[in-house]
C-alpha atoms as a PDB file:
ATOM      1  CA  MET A   1     -19.746 -17.025  19.191  1.00  0.00           C
ATOM      2  CA  LYS A   2     -19.103 -13.335  17.644  1.00  0.00           C
ATOM      3  CA  TYR A   3     -17.574 -12.647  20.736  1.00  0.00           C
ATOM      4  CA  ILE A   4     -14.491 -15.131  20.529  1.00  0.00           C
ATOM      5  CA  VAL A   5     -13.753 -14.553  16.843  1.00  0.00           C
ATOM      6  CA  ALA A   6     -13.384 -10.453  17.378  1.00  0.00           C
ATOM      7  CA  LEU A   7     -10.458 -11.717  20.269  1.00  0.00           C
ATOM      8  CA  VAL A   8      -9.855 -14.336  18.027  1.00  0.00           C
ATOM      9  CA  ILE A   9      -9.178 -10.916  15.559  1.00  0.00           C
ATOM     10  CA  ALA A  10      -8.144  -8.751  18.531  1.00  0.00           C
ATOM     11  CA  LEU A  11      -5.595 -11.258  19.775  1.00  0.00           C
ATOM     12  CA  VAL A  12      -3.789 -11.689  15.850  1.00  0.00           C
ATOM     13  CA  LEU A  13      -4.243  -7.644  15.366  1.00  0.00           C
ATOM     14  CA  ASN A  14      -1.901  -7.250  18.851  1.00  0.00           C
ATOM     15  CA  ALA A  15       0.437  -9.370  17.557  1.00  0.00           C
ATOM     16  CA  SER A  16       0.431  -8.281  14.197  1.00  0.00           C
ATOM     17  CA  ALA A  17       0.906  -4.425  15.820  1.00  0.00           C
ATOM     18  CA  ASN A  18       3.872  -4.892  18.021  1.00  0.00           C
ATOM     19  CA  LEU A  19       5.667  -7.601  15.190  1.00  0.00           C
ATOM     20  CA  LEU A  20       5.354  -4.134  12.620  1.00  0.00           C
ATOM     21  CA  MET A  21       6.371  -1.777  15.328  1.00  0.00           C
ATOM     22  CA  LYS A  22      10.320  -3.950  15.613  1.00  0.00           C
ATOM     23  CA  LEU A  23      10.433  -5.025  11.883  1.00  0.00           C
ATOM     24  CA  GLY A  24       9.682  -0.739  11.746  1.00  0.00           C
ATOM     25  CA  MET A  25      12.236   0.396  14.462  1.00  0.00           C
ATOM     26  CA  LYS A  26      14.958  -1.734  13.123  1.00  0.00           C
ATOM     27  CA  ALA A  27      14.267   0.641   9.759  1.00  0.00           C
ATOM     28  CA  VAL A  28      14.096   3.786  11.586  1.00  0.00           C
ATOM     29  CA  GLN A  29      17.550   2.628  13.778  1.00  0.00           C
ATOM     30  CA  ALA A  30      18.686   1.930  11.239  1.00  0.00           C
ATOM     31  CA  GLY A  31      18.659   5.580   9.498  1.00  0.00           C
ATOM     32  CA  GLY A  32      20.058   6.690  13.211  1.00  0.00           C
ATOM     33  CA  GLY A  33      17.722   6.327  15.326  1.00  0.00           C
ATOM     34  CA  VAL A  34      14.301   7.648  16.623  1.00  0.00           C
ATOM     35  CA  LEU A  35      15.660  10.592  18.481  1.00  0.00           C
ATOM     36  CA  LYS A  36      18.042  11.221  15.917  1.00  0.00           C
ATOM     37  CA  ASP A  37      17.193  15.156  15.023  1.00  0.00           C
ATOM     38  CA  GLY A  38      15.070  15.716  18.269  1.00  0.00           C
ATOM     39  CA  PRO A  39      11.130  15.366  19.539  1.00  0.00           C
ATOM     40  CA  LEU A  40       9.521  17.185  16.755  1.00  0.00           C
ATOM     41  CA  GLY A  41      12.284  14.636  14.041  1.00  0.00           C
ATOM     42  CA  ALA A  42      10.723  11.290  15.763  1.00  0.00           C
ATOM     43  CA  VAL A  43       7.435  12.468  15.512  1.00  0.00           C
ATOM     44  CA  MET A  44       8.492  13.405  11.501  1.00  0.00           C
ATOM     45  CA  VAL A  45       9.367   9.982  11.478  1.00  0.00           C
ATOM     46  CA  ILE A  46       6.895   8.500  12.333  1.00  0.00           C
ATOM     47  CA  LEU A  47       4.413   9.723  10.403  1.00  0.00           C
ATOM     48  CA  THR A  48       6.462   8.884   7.603  1.00  0.00           C
ATOM     49  CA  THR A  49       7.889   5.260   8.118  1.00  0.00           C
ATOM     50  CA  PRO A  50       4.344   3.494   6.545  1.00  0.00           C
ATOM     51  CA  THR A  51       5.530  -0.250   9.211  1.00  0.00           C
ATOM     52  CA  LEU A  52       4.639   2.298  11.959  1.00  0.00           C
ATOM     53  CA  ILE A  53       1.888   3.939  10.320  1.00  0.00           C
ATOM     54  CA  ILE A  54       0.723   0.198  10.105  1.00  0.00           C
ATOM     55  CA  GLY A  55       1.925  -1.174  13.446  1.00  0.00           C
ATOM     56  CA  LEU A  56      -0.258   2.156  14.646  1.00  0.00           C
ATOM     57  CA  THR A  57      -3.259   1.100  12.863  1.00  0.00           C
ATOM     58  CA  CYS A  58      -3.327  -2.874  13.924  1.00  0.00           C
ATOM     59  CA  PHE A  59      -3.025  -1.422  17.867  1.00  0.00           C
ATOM     60  CA  GLY A  60      -5.891   0.884  16.818  1.00  0.00           C
ATOM     61  CA  LEU A  61      -8.293  -1.648  15.515  1.00  0.00           C
ATOM     62  CA  ASN A  62      -7.069  -4.628  18.084  1.00  0.00           C
ATOM     63  CA  ALA A  63      -8.423  -1.955  20.761  1.00  0.00           C
ATOM     64  CA  ALA A  64     -11.814  -1.439  18.954  1.00  0.00           C
ATOM     65  CA  PHE A  65     -12.315  -5.506  18.761  1.00  0.00           C
ATOM     66  CA  TYR A  66     -10.909  -6.037  22.396  1.00  0.00           C
ATOM     67  CA  MET A  67     -13.697  -4.031  23.403  1.00  0.00           C
ATOM     68  CA  TYR A  68     -16.431  -5.352  21.258  1.00  0.00           C
ATOM     69  CA  ALA A  69     -15.695  -8.644  22.953  1.00  0.00           C
ATOM     70  CA  LEU A  70     -16.047  -7.554  26.491  1.00  0.00           C
ATOM     71  CA  GLN A  71     -19.138  -5.862  26.074  1.00  0.00           C
ATOM     72  CA  SER A  72     -20.001  -9.955  26.011  1.00  0.00           C
ATOM     73  CA  ASP A  73     -22.226 -10.691  29.237  1.00  0.00           C
ATOM     74  CA  THR A  74     -20.761 -14.130  28.598  1.00  0.00           C
ATOM     75  CA  LEU A  75     -17.489 -13.551  28.630  1.00  0.00           C
ATOM     76  CA  LYS A  76     -15.093 -12.697  31.197  1.00  0.00           C
ATOM     77  CA  ILE A  77     -12.072  -9.847  31.301  1.00  0.00           C
ATOM     78  CA  SER A  78     -10.742 -13.187  33.528  1.00  0.00           C
ATOM     79  CA  VAL A  79     -10.413 -15.097  31.190  1.00  0.00           C
ATOM     80  CA  ALA A  80     -10.279 -12.787  27.915  1.00  0.00           C
ATOM     81  CA  TYR A  81      -7.189 -11.360  28.833  1.00  0.00           C
ATOM     82  CA  PRO A  82      -5.391 -14.551  28.990  1.00  0.00           C
ATOM     83  CA  ILE A  83      -6.113 -15.664  26.237  1.00  0.00           C
ATOM     84  CA  MET A  84      -5.448 -11.889  23.918  1.00  0.00           C
ATOM     85  CA  VAL A  85      -1.539 -12.011  26.528  1.00  0.00           C
ATOM     86  CA  GLY A  86      -0.516 -15.611  26.055  1.00  0.00           C
ATOM     87  CA  GLY A  87      -1.939 -15.903  23.223  1.00  0.00           C
ATOM     88  CA  GLY A  88      -0.319 -13.083  21.719  1.00  0.00           C
ATOM     89  CA  PHE A  89       3.049 -13.955  23.521  1.00  0.00           C
ATOM     90  CA  ALA A  90       2.664 -16.603  21.569  1.00  0.00           C
ATOM     91  CA  LEU A  91       2.344 -15.906  18.015  1.00  0.00           C
ATOM     92  CA  ILE A  92       4.621 -12.985  18.585  1.00  0.00           C
ATOM     93  CA  ALA A  93       7.817 -15.318  19.612  1.00  0.00           C
ATOM     94  CA  THR A  94       6.591 -17.891  16.879  1.00  0.00           C
ATOM     95  CA  ILE A  95       6.795 -15.621  14.351  1.00  0.00           C
ATOM     96  CA  ALA A  96       9.654 -13.953  16.192  1.00  0.00           C
ATOM     97  CA  ARG A  97      11.760 -16.829  15.528  1.00  0.00           C
ATOM     98  CA  LEU A  98      11.037 -17.938  12.111  1.00  0.00           C
ATOM     99  CA  HIS A  99      10.400 -14.404  10.154  1.00  0.00           C
ATOM    100  CA  PRO A 100      14.227 -14.148   8.730  1.00  0.00           C
ATOM    101  CA  ALA A 101      14.030  -9.717   9.595  1.00  0.00           C
ATOM    102  CA  LEU A 102      14.238 -11.134  13.064  1.00  0.00           C
ATOM    103  CA  ALA A 103      14.809 -14.252  13.200  1.00  0.00           C
ATOM    104  CA  GLU A 104      14.982 -14.056  17.165  1.00  0.00           C
ATOM    105  CA  LYS A 105      16.784 -17.561  18.693  1.00  0.00           C
ATOM    106  CA  LEU A 106      14.552 -19.231  22.228  1.00  0.00           C
ATOM    107  CA  ASN A 107      16.321 -21.931  23.597  1.00  0.00           C
ATOM    108  CA  ALA A 108      14.760 -24.448  25.306  1.00  0.00           C
ATOM    109  CA  GLY A 109      13.606 -22.628  28.369  1.00  0.00           C
ATOM    110  CA  GLN A 110      11.709 -19.558  26.722  1.00  0.00           C
ATOM    111  CA  MET A 111      10.128 -22.855  24.560  1.00  0.00           C
ATOM    112  CA  VAL A 112       8.483 -24.603  27.426  1.00  0.00           C
ATOM    113  CA  GLY A 113       8.048 -21.230  29.134  1.00  0.00           C
ATOM    114  CA  ILE A 114       5.724 -20.453  25.765  1.00  0.00           C
ATOM    115  CA  ALA A 115       3.939 -23.849  26.211  1.00  0.00           C
ATOM    116  CA  MET A 116       3.556 -23.359  30.133  1.00  0.00           C
ATOM    117  CA  VAL A 117       1.497 -20.305  28.691  1.00  0.00           C
ATOM    118  CA  LEU A 118       0.116 -21.503  26.663  1.00  0.00           C
ATOM    119  CA  MET A 119      -1.500 -24.423  28.404  1.00  0.00           C
ATOM    120  CA  GLY A 120      -2.325 -21.672  31.726  1.00  0.00           C
ATOM    121  CA  VAL A 121      -4.213 -19.711  29.217  1.00  0.00           C
ATOM    122  CA  ILE A 122      -6.084 -23.409  27.976  1.00  0.00           C
ATOM    123  CA  ILE A 123      -6.975 -24.676  31.755  1.00  0.00           C
ATOM    124  CA  ILE A 124      -7.852 -21.345  32.477  1.00  0.00           C
ATOM    125  CA  ALA A 125     -10.483 -21.463  29.155  1.00  0.00           C
ATOM    126  CA  ILE A 126     -11.436 -24.378  30.056  1.00  0.00           C
ATOM    127  CA  LYS A 127     -12.802 -24.249  33.721  1.00  0.00           C
ATOM    128  CA  THR A 128     -14.618 -21.082  33.070  1.00  0.00           C
ATOM    129  CA  LYS A 129     -16.135 -22.662  30.493  1.00  0.00           C
ATOM    130  CA  ALA A 130     -17.166 -26.263  32.743  1.00  0.00           C
ATOM    131  CA  GLU A 131     -18.482 -23.255  35.588  1.00  0.00           C
ATOM    132  CA  GLY A 132     -20.764 -22.468  33.305  1.00  0.00           C
ATOM    133  CA  ALA A 133     -19.325 -19.063  32.522  1.00  0.00           C
END
């Protein structure tokens, strides 16, 4: 159970990192873009933008929790990775749609696709559990 909890935490951290990166880069772009002052300037922009620093931290923590989950003898990577990627995809798309600063539009095809990805992840998890994993 502790490995599943770690996997869910990793999923949330990964989604958070991606959303924070998008929000941070919107602010950077409004200021002229990340490469406005060349490569060294880009590093300085990244290191002085709190949203990007928090996003990078979330990526690091995501990796730590994901690696912890992968050490499980019973949690197969063929299940863990789809949960991480598919769940993260659905979470990011939903939050990007609802967050006022992002306000991304989702058309009917995208919504059906998200539902299909989630159904695929659920089927993988259920079938694997039924097979005794």
